[in-house]
Protein backbone atom coordinates (compact mmCIF):
# COMPACT_ATOMS: atom_id res chain seq x y z
CA UNK A 1 91.94 -74.09 -5.70
CA UNK A 2 90.15 -71.56 -3.01
CA UNK A 3 89.32 -68.08 -4.31
CA UNK A 4 87.85 -68.51 -8.00
CA UNK A 5 85.14 -67.24 -7.62
CA UNK A 6 84.28 -63.88 -9.76
CA UNK A 7 82.13 -61.38 -8.47
CA UNK A 8 78.67 -61.28 -10.10
CA UNK A 9 75.58 -59.49 -9.42
CA UNK A 10 74.34 -63.04 -7.97
CA UNK A 11 77.34 -63.98 -6.43
CA UNK A 12 78.58 -60.36 -4.80
CA UNK A 13 82.10 -59.75 -3.77
CA UNK A 14 81.82 -58.35 0.12
CA UNK A 15 84.73 -56.01 0.96
CA UNK A 16 84.97 -54.96 4.58
CA UNK A 17 87.24 -51.65 4.98
CA UNK A 18 88.80 -51.30 8.23
CA UNK A 19 90.07 -47.55 8.53
CA UNK A 20 92.37 -46.44 11.88
CA UNK A 21 91.18 -43.13 12.55
CA UNK A 22 93.71 -42.22 15.41
CA UNK A 23 95.09 -38.58 16.02
CA UNK A 24 98.73 -39.46 14.25
CA UNK A 25 96.56 -40.47 10.47
CA UNK A 26 96.53 -35.86 10.99
CA UNK A 27 100.40 -36.34 10.45
CA UNK A 28 101.36 -35.37 6.77
CA UNK A 29 102.61 -37.76 4.29
CA UNK A 30 103.61 -36.42 1.40
CA UNK A 31 101.71 -33.20 0.33
CA UNK A 32 98.59 -34.30 2.17
CA UNK A 33 97.39 -35.60 5.60
CA UNK A 34 97.40 -39.56 5.82
CA UNK A 35 93.39 -39.11 6.15
CA UNK A 36 93.24 -36.53 3.33
CA UNK A 37 95.28 -39.80 0.87
CA UNK A 38 92.95 -42.75 3.12
CA UNK A 39 90.03 -40.63 1.89
CA UNK A 40 90.98 -40.01 -2.16
CA UNK A 41 92.15 -43.51 -2.35
CA UNK A 42 88.70 -44.88 -1.30
CA UNK A 43 87.18 -42.61 -3.39
CA UNK A 44 89.41 -44.05 -6.23
CA UNK A 45 88.57 -47.93 -5.69
CA UNK A 46 84.91 -47.02 -5.33
CA UNK A 47 84.55 -45.14 -8.91
CA UNK A 48 86.78 -48.34 -10.09
CA UNK A 49 84.34 -50.73 -8.54
CA UNK A 50 81.60 -48.68 -10.51
CA UNK A 51 83.06 -48.71 -13.64
CA UNK A 52 83.36 -52.31 -13.16
CA UNK A 53 79.77 -52.38 -12.53
CA UNK A 54 78.06 -50.65 -15.44
CA UNK A 55 76.26 -51.69 -18.19
CA UNK A 56 75.18 -49.44 -20.29
CA UNK A 57 73.44 -46.91 -17.29
CA UNK A 58 73.17 -49.51 -14.67
CA UNK A 59 75.14 -50.64 -11.71
CA UNK A 60 75.19 -54.11 -11.14
CA UNK A 61 75.41 -55.22 -7.12
CA UNK A 62 78.50 -56.94 -8.13
CA UNK A 63 80.22 -55.38 -5.31
CA UNK A 64 79.09 -54.90 -1.35
CA UNK A 65 81.08 -53.30 0.50
CA UNK A 66 81.20 -51.90 4.85
CA UNK A 67 83.29 -49.40 5.67
CA UNK A 68 84.48 -49.02 9.53
CA UNK A 69 86.43 -46.36 11.34
CA UNK A 70 87.84 -47.05 14.29
CA UNK A 71 89.84 -44.98 17.40
CA UNK A 72 88.54 -45.96 20.57
CA UNK A 73 85.19 -46.72 19.21
CA UNK A 74 84.12 -47.83 16.05
CA UNK A 75 82.17 -46.09 13.48
CA UNK A 76 80.01 -47.59 10.95
CA UNK A 77 80.44 -44.82 8.35
CA UNK A 78 78.09 -46.61 5.74
CA UNK A 79 75.39 -47.90 7.88
CA UNK A 80 75.62 -51.79 7.44
CA UNK A 81 77.01 -53.30 3.71
CA UNK A 82 75.71 -51.44 1.14
CA UNK A 83 75.73 -51.80 -2.85
CA UNK A 84 78.62 -50.53 -4.72
CA UNK A 85 75.84 -48.26 -6.38
CA UNK A 86 74.44 -47.62 -2.81
CA UNK A 87 78.32 -46.57 -1.95
CA UNK A 88 78.24 -44.34 -5.17
CA UNK A 89 75.57 -42.34 -4.60
CA UNK A 90 76.38 -41.55 -0.83
CA UNK A 91 79.84 -40.36 -2.08
CA UNK A 92 82.93 -39.68 -0.19
CA UNK A 93 82.95 -40.97 2.83
CA UNK A 94 84.17 -38.04 5.84
CA UNK A 95 87.34 -39.37 7.90
CA UNK A 96 88.08 -38.01 11.12
CA UNK A 97 91.33 -38.17 13.30
CA UNK A 98 90.85 -38.64 16.64
CA UNK A 99 92.82 -40.06 20.01
CA UNK A 100 93.22 -43.74 20.37
CA UNK A 101 94.21 -47.22 18.59
CA UNK A 102 91.86 -50.11 19.58
CA UNK A 103 92.71 -52.28 17.08
CA UNK A 104 90.85 -55.35 18.95
CA UNK A 105 87.85 -53.44 18.92
CA UNK A 106 88.20 -52.71 15.27
CA UNK A 107 88.56 -55.93 13.93
CA UNK A 108 85.73 -57.40 16.35
CA UNK A 109 82.85 -55.44 14.94
CA UNK A 110 84.21 -57.28 11.70
CA UNK A 111 84.33 -60.26 13.80
CA UNK A 112 80.21 -59.50 14.24
CA UNK A 113 79.93 -58.60 11.19
CA UNK A 114 80.86 -61.63 9.62
CA UNK A 115 78.99 -63.74 12.03
CA UNK A 116 75.89 -62.47 11.15
CA UNK A 117 76.23 -61.88 7.56
CA UNK A 118 78.72 -65.36 6.35
CA UNK A 119 75.77 -67.55 5.17
CA UNK A 120 74.47 -64.92 3.29
CA UNK A 121 77.64 -64.80 1.29
CA UNK A 122 78.00 -68.64 1.00
CA UNK A 123 78.32 -68.82 -2.61
CA UNK A 124 80.36 -65.79 -3.21
CA UNK A 125 83.09 -64.96 -3.13
CA UNK A 126 85.36 -65.47 0.44
CA UNK A 127 84.93 -61.78 1.58
CA UNK A 128 88.53 -59.70 2.33
CA UNK A 129 88.98 -57.50 5.62
CA UNK A 130 91.26 -55.12 4.19
CA UNK A 131 92.61 -53.13 7.32
CA UNK A 132 95.04 -49.69 7.18
CA UNK A 133 96.55 -48.53 9.99
CA UNK A 134 99.84 -46.38 10.63
CA UNK A 135 100.79 -47.00 14.15
CA UNK A 136 100.65 -49.37 17.05
CA UNK A 137 97.69 -50.42 19.04
CA UNK A 138 97.04 -48.91 22.50
CA UNK A 139 94.84 -51.11 24.00
CA UNK A 140 94.17 -55.26 23.95
CA UNK A 141 96.19 -57.55 21.28
CA UNK A 142 94.35 -57.62 18.32
CA UNK A 143 95.65 -60.85 16.56
CA UNK A 144 93.39 -64.06 19.05
CA UNK A 145 90.35 -61.72 16.96
CA UNK A 146 92.32 -61.61 13.60
CA UNK A 147 92.79 -65.30 13.90
CA UNK A 148 89.37 -66.16 14.79
CA UNK A 149 88.04 -64.13 11.34
CA UNK A 150 90.71 -65.91 9.54
CA UNK A 151 88.57 -69.30 10.84
CA UNK A 152 86.00 -68.27 8.90
CA UNK A 153 85.14 -69.83 5.80
CA UNK A 154 82.59 -69.99 2.70
CA UNK A 155 82.88 -72.49 -0.02
CA UNK A 156 85.22 -70.63 -2.14
CA UNK A 157 88.11 -70.68 0.40
CA UNK A 158 88.64 -68.49 4.03
CA UNK A 159 87.87 -64.88 4.97
CA UNK A 160 90.93 -62.94 3.60
CA UNK A 161 92.41 -60.17 6.02
CA UNK A 162 94.62 -57.95 4.27
CA UNK A 163 96.66 -55.45 6.46
CA UNK A 164 97.64 -51.45 4.76
CA UNK A 165 100.59 -50.46 7.38
CA UNK A 166 101.38 -46.82 6.38
CA UNK A 167 104.94 -46.20 8.15
CA UNK A 168 109.02 -45.78 6.52
CA UNK A 169 109.97 -48.61 9.29
CA UNK A 170 107.94 -51.63 8.01
CA UNK A 171 111.11 -52.41 5.33
CA UNK A 172 114.68 -53.08 6.63
CA UNK A 173 115.01 -51.31 2.78
CA UNK A 174 112.67 -49.01 1.31
CA UNK A 175 110.94 -50.00 -1.99
CA UNK A 176 112.57 -48.11 -5.28
CA UNK A 177 110.20 -49.02 -7.38
CA UNK A 178 106.54 -50.67 -6.49
CA UNK A 179 106.35 -51.47 -10.56
CA UNK A 180 109.19 -54.12 -9.90
CA UNK A 181 108.99 -54.69 -6.01
CA UNK A 182 108.02 -58.71 -5.23
CA UNK A 183 105.73 -58.30 -1.61
CA UNK A 184 106.43 -59.25 1.43
CA UNK A 185 106.96 -63.03 1.93
CA UNK A 186 107.71 -65.07 4.83
CA UNK A 187 111.35 -64.45 5.03
CA UNK A 188 111.24 -60.58 4.08
CA UNK A 189 112.86 -58.90 6.63
CA UNK A 190 111.22 -56.16 8.55
CA UNK A 191 112.06 -52.89 10.72
CA UNK A 192 109.63 -53.55 13.41
CA UNK A 193 108.01 -55.89 15.84
CA UNK A 194 104.57 -54.30 15.04
CA UNK A 195 105.24 -55.14 11.20
CA UNK A 196 106.40 -58.98 12.27
CA UNK A 197 102.65 -58.99 14.04
CA UNK A 198 101.24 -57.27 10.83
CA UNK A 199 102.64 -59.93 8.38
CA UNK A 200 101.36 -62.68 11.27
CA UNK A 201 98.08 -61.44 11.04
CA UNK A 202 97.63 -60.72 6.85
CA UNK A 203 96.36 -64.05 5.18
CA UNK A 204 98.99 -65.54 2.40
CA UNK A 205 97.66 -63.85 -1.21
CA UNK A 206 95.86 -66.31 -3.00
CA UNK A 207 97.21 -67.42 -6.79
CA UNK A 208 94.38 -66.42 -8.37
CA UNK A 209 95.11 -62.36 -6.97
CA UNK A 210 98.50 -62.78 -7.60
CA UNK A 211 98.01 -63.50 -11.21
CA UNK A 212 95.51 -60.43 -11.42
CA UNK A 213 98.41 -58.06 -9.51
CA UNK A 214 101.08 -59.41 -12.27
CA UNK A 215 98.51 -58.36 -15.02
CA UNK A 216 98.55 -54.39 -13.48
CA UNK A 217 102.03 -54.32 -13.40
CA UNK A 218 102.63 -55.56 -9.57
CA UNK A 219 105.34 -58.57 -10.05
CA UNK A 220 104.35 -59.80 -6.70
CA UNK A 221 105.96 -63.44 -6.23
CA UNK A 222 104.37 -66.54 -4.53
CA UNK A 223 104.35 -67.31 -1.17
CA UNK A 224 103.41 -63.20 -0.15
CA UNK A 225 101.55 -61.85 2.42
CA UNK A 226 98.44 -59.60 2.22
CA UNK A 227 100.60 -56.49 3.94
CA UNK A 228 101.79 -53.34 1.84
CA UNK A 229 103.51 -50.43 3.42
CA UNK A 230 101.70 -47.82 2.83
CA UNK A 231 103.98 -45.18 2.90
CA UNK A 232 102.74 -43.51 -0.41
CA UNK A 233 99.98 -42.68 -2.54
CA UNK A 234 100.34 -45.11 -5.10
CA UNK A 235 100.54 -47.84 -2.23
CA UNK A 236 97.56 -47.11 -0.43
CA UNK A 237 95.82 -47.18 -3.69
CA UNK A 238 97.57 -50.82 -4.88
CA UNK A 239 96.22 -52.21 -1.60
CA UNK A 240 92.95 -50.82 -1.57
CA UNK A 241 92.51 -52.18 -5.04
CA UNK A 242 93.97 -56.02 -4.19
CA UNK A 243 91.09 -55.85 -2.14
CA UNK A 244 88.57 -55.54 -4.12
CA UNK A 245 90.49 -58.22 -7.26
CA UNK A 246 87.75 -61.10 -6.66
CA UNK A 247 88.61 -62.74 -9.82
CA UNK A 248 87.89 -59.90 -12.04
CA UNK A 249 88.45 -61.10 -15.32
CA UNK A 250 85.84 -59.32 -17.48
CA UNK A 251 85.39 -55.80 -17.20
CA UNK A 252 81.59 -56.35 -18.16
CA UNK A 253 78.34 -56.00 -15.17
CA UNK A 254 77.00 -59.23 -14.96
């Protein structure tokens, strides 16, 4: 079975966050701006990864992270791939909404990074790309480059692509309770053409990941895609957590 390796200091898990910072991210979601909810969720997931990586006073480099923000340009917010300890020292990244939504350019930057570093992670958990957006792309179709990214592979399995879509239109019916939600599969009725495109651009959720999600209280069913409607703070946080599972069966850093 693929996607079985655990994140350890000798086999670190790489997660690449790709965040849409177009102008619409300044719109409200509940009592906060969308961009602030994303920033809070990133800070929360970084803190959780630090806790999972800490033994005594030492932070083990078992998680490696890259963070890109994109609009009509792509911005490397961490200055390359950093260990979770280095990310913790850098603090919460500053996300500033701008103008357009060139999703293809953002994913092209991710593709370039993976092309350069994938041999380094050949014996590690398959990398995960976590993309968060709140609207349709305004430039080229990103699906071709996402398909190429999905073809990258290490012995643990293919690179995984997850999409978090901040929208009230992704589902035909809203989620009443995230702790009773089964996820989005190939038959789920979606509310827009772009939601259907994002599903085509989202990897199947590995069974090993699904089991851990269920242990966390999210009853995702077999056949789900790595696509979540990020229309609440809890769902955004859930999506970021999904992208950093990497078979974390043990809370003791190694």
